[in-house]
Amino acid sequence: MRQLREELKVKDELLKRETRKRQTRTKAHMDTLTLLTKAEEKIRRNDEQWKAKCDALEVSLWEEMATNEERWRKKVQELEIERNLLLKEQLKKEEEGVKVEGHYKKQAQKRFRVQSNRI
């Protein structure tokens, strides 16, 4: 009987050790799951922050591009207006030049007639 008690005692000790090991493993597993959950949450929050930054940058870029496009369109319009004014001014000067040439030509013809009549 004593031997059975000793065996029972040994088996009880083994069972307690194995139970403690299992409890320790279970606790370690739970701690690991907790850490993993916290890490996943931190990653999710980080992803949300980066997405928000990215979205804000994209909006900013589109606004800047629209502003630059509008500025470019206005500059092109100003240059076209300036070009048209210069062309009109040049055309007017050319027309005046033709009139002046015509006037000088008529004066020269008059002088020629006057000189021809003298001769």
N, C-alpha and C. Protein backbone atom coordinates (compact mmCIF):
# COMPACT_ATOMS: atom_id res chain seq x y z
N MET A 1 0.80 -1.18 0.00
CA MET A 1 0.00 0.00 0.00
C MET A 1 0.86 1.26 0.00
N ARG A 2 1.90 1.19 0.73
CA ARG A 2 2.82 2.29 0.79
C ARG A 2 3.38 2.61 -0.60
N GLN A 3 3.65 1.58 -1.31
CA GLN A 3 4.19 1.76 -2.66
C GLN A 3 3.15 2.46 -3.55
N LEU A 4 1.92 2.08 -3.38
CA LEU A 4 0.86 2.71 -4.17
C LEU A 4 0.72 4.18 -3.80
N ARG A 5 0.86 4.46 -2.55
CA ARG A 5 0.79 5.85 -2.12
C ARG A 5 1.97 6.64 -2.69
N GLU A 6 3.12 6.05 -2.66
CA GLU A 6 4.30 6.72 -3.23
C GLU A 6 4.09 6.94 -4.73
N GLU A 7 3.61 5.94 -5.40
CA GLU A 7 3.35 6.08 -6.84
C GLU A 7 2.29 7.15 -7.08
N LEU A 8 1.26 7.14 -6.26
CA LEU A 8 0.20 8.13 -6.39
C LEU A 8 0.76 9.54 -6.14
N LYS A 9 1.62 9.64 -5.13
CA LYS A 9 2.24 10.92 -4.82
C LYS A 9 3.10 11.39 -5.99
N VAL A 10 3.90 10.51 -6.57
CA VAL A 10 4.75 10.85 -7.72
C VAL A 10 3.87 11.28 -8.89
N LYS A 11 2.82 10.51 -9.12
CA LYS A 11 1.93 10.84 -10.23
C LYS A 11 1.22 12.18 -10.00
N ASP A 12 0.85 12.43 -8.77
CA ASP A 12 0.22 13.71 -8.44
C ASP A 12 1.20 14.87 -8.71
N GLU A 13 2.45 14.68 -8.29
CA GLU A 13 3.47 15.70 -8.54
C GLU A 13 3.66 15.92 -10.05
N LEU A 14 3.74 14.82 -10.79
CA LEU A 14 3.87 14.93 -12.24
C LEU A 14 2.67 15.66 -12.84
N LEU A 15 1.51 15.31 -12.38
CA LEU A 15 0.29 15.94 -12.87
C LEU A 15 0.28 17.42 -12.53
N LYS A 16 0.69 17.79 -11.32
CA LYS A 16 0.76 19.19 -10.93
C LYS A 16 1.76 19.95 -11.80
N ARG A 17 2.95 19.36 -12.01
CA ARG A 17 3.97 19.99 -12.85
C ARG A 17 3.44 20.22 -14.27
N GLU A 18 2.83 19.19 -14.82
CA GLU A 18 2.29 19.29 -16.18
C GLU A 18 1.16 20.32 -16.24
N THR A 19 0.35 20.34 -15.20
CA THR A 19 -0.74 21.33 -15.14
C THR A 19 -0.15 22.74 -15.08
N ARG A 20 0.89 22.94 -14.23
CA ARG A 20 1.55 24.25 -14.16
C ARG A 20 2.17 24.64 -15.50
N LYS A 21 2.81 23.67 -16.15
CA LYS A 21 3.41 23.93 -17.47
C LYS A 21 2.33 24.36 -18.45
N ARG A 22 1.23 23.61 -18.44
CA ARG A 22 0.14 23.94 -19.35
C ARG A 22 -0.43 25.32 -19.04
N GLN A 23 -0.62 25.64 -17.78
CA GLN A 23 -1.12 26.95 -17.38
C GLN A 23 -0.14 28.05 -17.81
N THR A 24 1.14 27.79 -17.63
CA THR A 24 2.17 28.76 -18.04
C THR A 24 2.13 28.97 -19.55
N ARG A 25 2.03 27.85 -20.30
CA ARG A 25 1.94 27.97 -21.76
C ARG A 25 0.68 28.72 -22.17
N THR A 26 -0.44 28.40 -21.50
CA THR A 26 -1.69 29.08 -21.83
C THR A 26 -1.59 30.57 -21.54
N LYS A 27 -1.00 30.92 -20.39
CA LYS A 27 -0.82 32.34 -20.05
C LYS A 27 0.10 33.01 -21.07
N ALA A 28 1.18 32.36 -21.43
CA ALA A 28 2.10 32.92 -22.43
C ALA A 28 1.38 33.10 -23.77
N HIS A 29 0.56 32.13 -24.13
CA HIS A 29 -0.20 32.22 -25.37
C HIS A 29 -1.18 33.40 -25.31
N MET A 30 -1.85 33.57 -24.20
CA MET A 30 -2.79 34.68 -24.03
C MET A 30 -2.04 36.02 -24.07
N ASP A 31 -0.88 36.08 -23.41
CA ASP A 31 -0.06 37.31 -23.45
C ASP A 31 0.35 37.62 -24.89
N THR A 32 0.74 36.58 -25.62
CA THR A 32 1.15 36.77 -27.02
C THR A 32 -0.03 37.27 -27.86
N LEU A 33 -1.20 36.69 -27.65
CA LEU A 33 -2.40 37.14 -28.37
C LEU A 33 -2.73 38.59 -28.04
N THR A 34 -2.57 38.95 -26.77
CA THR A 34 -2.83 40.34 -26.36
C THR A 34 -1.86 41.30 -27.06
N LEU A 35 -0.57 40.92 -27.06
CA LEU A 35 0.43 41.76 -27.74
C LEU A 35 0.14 41.86 -29.23
N LEU A 36 -0.23 40.74 -29.82
CA LEU A 36 -0.56 40.73 -31.25
C LEU A 36 -1.75 41.63 -31.55
N THR A 37 -2.77 41.57 -30.73
CA THR A 37 -3.95 42.42 -30.90
C THR A 37 -3.58 43.89 -30.79
N LYS A 38 -2.74 44.22 -29.80
CA LYS A 38 -2.30 45.61 -29.63
C LYS A 38 -1.49 46.07 -30.84
N ALA A 39 -0.60 45.21 -31.32
CA ALA A 39 0.22 45.55 -32.49
C ALA A 39 -0.66 45.75 -33.73
N GLU A 40 -1.64 44.87 -33.91
CA GLU A 40 -2.54 45.01 -35.06
C GLU A 40 -3.33 46.31 -34.97
N GLU A 41 -3.77 46.67 -33.78
CA GLU A 41 -4.52 47.92 -33.59
C GLU A 41 -3.62 49.13 -33.88
N LYS A 42 -2.39 49.06 -33.41
CA LYS A 42 -1.44 50.15 -33.68
C LYS A 42 -1.19 50.28 -35.19
N ILE A 43 -1.03 49.16 -35.86
CA ILE A 43 -0.82 49.17 -37.32
C ILE A 43 -2.04 49.74 -38.03
N ARG A 44 -3.23 49.34 -37.58
CA ARG A 44 -4.47 49.84 -38.20
C ARG A 44 -4.57 51.36 -38.03
N ARG A 45 -4.29 51.85 -36.81
CA ARG A 45 -4.33 53.31 -36.58
C ARG A 45 -3.29 54.02 -37.43
N ASN A 46 -2.10 53.43 -37.52
CA ASN A 46 -1.03 54.00 -38.35
C ASN A 46 -1.48 54.08 -39.81
N ASP A 47 -2.07 52.98 -40.30
CA ASP A 47 -2.55 52.95 -41.68
C ASP A 47 -3.60 54.03 -41.92
N GLU A 48 -4.50 54.21 -40.95
CA GLU A 48 -5.54 55.24 -41.07
C GLU A 48 -4.91 56.63 -41.13
N GLN A 49 -3.91 56.86 -40.29
CA GLN A 49 -3.24 58.17 -40.29
C GLN A 49 -2.54 58.43 -41.62
N TRP A 50 -1.83 57.41 -42.13
CA TRP A 50 -1.14 57.59 -43.40
C TRP A 50 -2.12 57.78 -44.55
N LYS A 51 -3.23 57.05 -44.50
CA LYS A 51 -4.25 57.21 -45.54
C LYS A 51 -4.82 58.62 -45.51
N ALA A 52 -5.08 59.13 -44.29
CA ALA A 52 -5.59 60.50 -44.16
C ALA A 52 -4.58 61.51 -44.71
N LYS A 53 -3.30 61.30 -44.39
CA LYS A 53 -2.25 62.20 -44.91
C LYS A 53 -2.19 62.12 -46.42
N CYS A 54 -2.24 60.91 -46.94
CA CYS A 54 -2.18 60.70 -48.38
C CYS A 54 -3.37 61.38 -49.07
N ASP A 55 -4.56 61.19 -48.51
CA ASP A 55 -5.76 61.81 -49.08
C ASP A 55 -5.64 63.33 -49.06
N ALA A 56 -5.14 63.88 -47.95
CA ALA A 56 -4.97 65.33 -47.84
C ALA A 56 -3.96 65.84 -48.86
N LEU A 57 -2.88 65.11 -49.04
CA LEU A 57 -1.87 65.50 -50.03
C LEU A 57 -2.44 65.44 -51.44
N GLU A 58 -3.24 64.42 -51.71
CA GLU A 58 -3.85 64.30 -53.03
C GLU A 58 -4.79 65.47 -53.31
N VAL A 59 -5.61 65.83 -52.32
CA VAL A 59 -6.51 66.97 -52.47
C VAL A 59 -5.70 68.24 -52.70
N SER A 60 -4.65 68.41 -51.91
CA SER A 60 -3.79 69.58 -52.05
C SER A 60 -3.16 69.64 -53.44
N LEU A 61 -2.71 68.50 -53.93
CA LEU A 61 -2.09 68.45 -55.26
C LEU A 61 -3.09 68.82 -56.33
N TRP A 62 -4.31 68.29 -56.24
CA TRP A 62 -5.34 68.63 -57.24
C TRP A 62 -5.67 70.12 -57.20
N GLU A 63 -5.75 70.69 -55.99
CA GLU A 63 -6.02 72.12 -55.86
C GLU A 63 -4.89 72.94 -56.47
N GLU A 64 -3.66 72.54 -56.18
CA GLU A 64 -2.50 73.25 -56.73
C GLU A 64 -2.47 73.16 -58.25
N MET A 65 -2.78 71.96 -58.77
CA MET A 65 -2.80 71.80 -60.22
C MET A 65 -3.89 72.67 -60.85
N ALA A 66 -5.06 72.75 -60.21
CA ALA A 66 -6.14 73.59 -60.72
C ALA A 66 -5.74 75.06 -60.69
N THR A 67 -5.09 75.47 -59.62
CA THR A 67 -4.63 76.86 -59.50
C THR A 67 -3.60 77.17 -60.59
N ASN A 68 -2.65 76.26 -60.76
CA ASN A 68 -1.63 76.46 -61.80
C ASN A 68 -2.25 76.50 -63.19
N GLU A 69 -3.22 75.63 -63.43
CA GLU A 69 -3.90 75.60 -64.72
C GLU A 69 -4.63 76.92 -64.98
N GLU A 70 -5.31 77.43 -63.95
CA GLU A 70 -6.03 78.70 -64.10
C GLU A 70 -5.04 79.84 -64.34
N ARG A 71 -3.94 79.85 -63.60
CA ARG A 71 -2.91 80.88 -63.78
C ARG A 71 -2.34 80.82 -65.20
N TRP A 72 -2.09 79.60 -65.67
CA TRP A 72 -1.56 79.41 -67.02
C TRP A 72 -2.55 79.90 -68.06
N ARG A 73 -3.84 79.56 -67.86
CA ARG A 73 -4.88 79.97 -68.81
C ARG A 73 -4.96 81.50 -68.88
N LYS A 74 -4.90 82.18 -67.72
CA LYS A 74 -4.94 83.64 -67.69
C LYS A 74 -3.73 84.23 -68.40
N LYS A 75 -2.56 83.64 -68.15
CA LYS A 75 -1.33 84.14 -68.78
C LYS A 75 -1.42 84.00 -70.29
N VAL A 76 -1.93 82.86 -70.76
CA VAL A 76 -2.07 82.65 -72.21
C VAL A 76 -3.04 83.67 -72.78
N GLN A 77 -4.15 83.93 -72.09
CA GLN A 77 -5.12 84.92 -72.56
C GLN A 77 -4.47 86.30 -72.63
N GLU A 78 -3.72 86.67 -71.59
CA GLU A 78 -3.04 87.97 -71.59
C GLU A 78 -2.07 88.08 -72.76
N LEU A 79 -1.31 87.02 -73.00
CA LEU A 79 -0.35 87.03 -74.10
C LEU A 79 -1.06 87.12 -75.45
N GLU A 80 -2.19 86.42 -75.59
CA GLU A 80 -2.95 86.49 -76.84
C GLU A 80 -3.51 87.89 -77.06
N ILE A 81 -4.02 88.51 -76.00
CA ILE A 81 -4.53 89.88 -76.11
C ILE A 81 -3.40 90.83 -76.50
N GLU A 82 -2.27 90.68 -75.83
CA GLU A 82 -1.10 91.52 -76.13
C GLU A 82 -0.65 91.32 -77.58
N ARG A 83 -0.62 90.07 -78.02
CA ARG A 83 -0.22 89.76 -79.40
C ARG A 83 -1.19 90.39 -80.40
N ASN A 84 -2.49 90.27 -80.12
CA ASN A 84 -3.49 90.86 -81.02
C ASN A 84 -3.36 92.37 -81.08
N LEU A 85 -3.10 93.01 -79.94
CA LEU A 85 -2.91 94.46 -79.92
C LEU A 85 -1.68 94.85 -80.74
N LEU A 86 -0.61 94.10 -80.58
CA LEU A 86 0.61 94.39 -81.34
C LEU A 86 0.37 94.21 -82.84
N LEU A 87 -0.36 93.15 -83.19
CA LEU A 87 -0.67 92.93 -84.62
C LEU A 87 -1.52 94.06 -85.17
N LYS A 88 -2.51 94.51 -84.41
CA LYS A 88 -3.35 95.64 -84.86
C LYS A 88 -2.52 96.90 -85.02
N GLU A 89 -1.63 97.12 -84.03
CA GLU A 89 -0.77 98.30 -84.08
C GLU A 89 0.15 98.24 -85.30
N GLN A 90 0.70 97.06 -85.54
CA GLN A 90 1.58 96.90 -86.70
C GLN A 90 0.81 97.09 -88.00
N LEU A 91 -0.38 96.55 -88.09
CA LEU A 91 -1.21 96.70 -89.28
C LEU A 91 -1.56 98.16 -89.50
N LYS A 92 -1.89 98.87 -88.42
CA LYS A 92 -2.21 100.30 -88.52
C LYS A 92 -1.01 101.08 -89.02
N LYS A 93 0.18 100.77 -88.47
CA LYS A 93 1.39 101.47 -88.92
C LYS A 93 1.67 101.17 -90.39
N GLU A 94 1.45 99.92 -90.80
CA GLU A 94 1.66 99.58 -92.21
C GLU A 94 0.69 100.33 -93.09
N GLU A 95 -0.57 100.43 -92.66
CA GLU A 95 -1.55 101.18 -93.44
C GLU A 95 -1.18 102.65 -93.51
N GLU A 96 -0.73 103.21 -92.38
CA GLU A 96 -0.29 104.61 -92.37
C GLU A 96 0.94 104.78 -93.26
N GLY A 97 1.81 103.77 -93.23
CA GLY A 97 3.00 103.83 -94.06
C GLY A 97 2.64 103.84 -95.54
N VAL A 98 1.64 103.06 -95.92
CA VAL A 98 1.18 103.05 -97.30
C VAL A 98 0.60 104.40 -97.66
N LYS A 99 -0.16 104.99 -96.74
CA LYS A 99 -0.73 106.32 -96.99
C LYS A 99 0.38 107.34 -97.15
N VAL A 100 1.38 107.27 -96.26
CA VAL A 100 2.50 108.21 -96.32
C VAL A 100 3.26 108.02 -97.63
N GLU A 101 3.49 106.75 -97.99
CA GLU A 101 4.18 106.47 -99.25
C GLU A 101 3.38 107.03 -100.42
N GLY A 102 2.08 106.82 -100.37
CA GLY A 102 1.20 107.34 -101.43
C GLY A 102 1.28 108.86 -101.49
N HIS A 103 1.31 109.51 -100.36
CA HIS A 103 1.39 110.96 -100.29
C HIS A 103 2.71 111.44 -100.89
N TYR A 104 3.82 110.79 -100.47
CA TYR A 104 5.13 111.18 -101.02
C TYR A 104 5.19 110.90 -102.52
N LYS A 105 4.59 109.82 -102.92
CA LYS A 105 4.58 109.47 -104.35
C LYS A 105 3.83 110.55 -105.14
N LYS A 106 2.69 110.99 -104.63
CA LYS A 106 1.91 112.05 -105.30
C LYS A 106 2.71 113.34 -105.34
N GLN A 107 3.37 113.66 -104.24
CA GLN A 107 4.19 114.89 -104.22
C GLN A 107 5.32 114.78 -105.24
N ALA A 108 5.93 113.60 -105.31
CA ALA A 108 7.03 113.43 -106.26
C ALA A 108 6.51 113.54 -107.69
N GLN A 109 5.34 112.97 -107.93
CA GLN A 109 4.76 113.08 -109.28
C GLN A 109 4.45 114.53 -109.61
N LYS A 110 3.96 115.29 -108.65
CA LYS A 110 3.66 116.71 -108.85
C LYS A 110 4.93 117.47 -109.20
N ARG A 111 5.97 117.25 -108.43
CA ARG A 111 7.24 117.92 -108.68
C ARG A 111 7.77 117.57 -110.07
N PHE A 112 7.60 116.30 -110.43
CA PHE A 112 8.08 115.88 -111.74
C PHE A 112 7.31 116.61 -112.85
N ARG A 113 6.00 116.74 -112.65
CA ARG A 113 5.20 117.46 -113.65
C ARG A 113 5.60 118.92 -113.72
N VAL A 114 5.81 119.50 -112.54
CA VAL A 114 6.19 120.91 -112.50
C VAL A 114 7.54 121.09 -113.21
N GLN A 115 8.46 120.21 -112.94
CA GLN A 115 9.78 120.32 -113.56
C GLN A 115 9.68 120.04 -115.06
N SER A 116 8.80 119.10 -115.41
CA SER A 116 8.64 118.78 -116.84
C SER A 116 8.05 119.98 -117.57
N ASN A 117 7.13 120.67 -116.92
CA ASN A 117 6.52 121.83 -117.55
C ASN A 117 7.52 122.97 -117.71
N ARG A 118 8.45 123.06 -116.87
CA ARG A 118 9.46 124.11 -116.94
C ARG A 118 10.40 123.87 -118.12
N ILE A 119 10.61 122.65 -118.37
CA ILE A 119 11.57 122.35 -119.41
C ILE A 119 10.98 122.59 -120.73
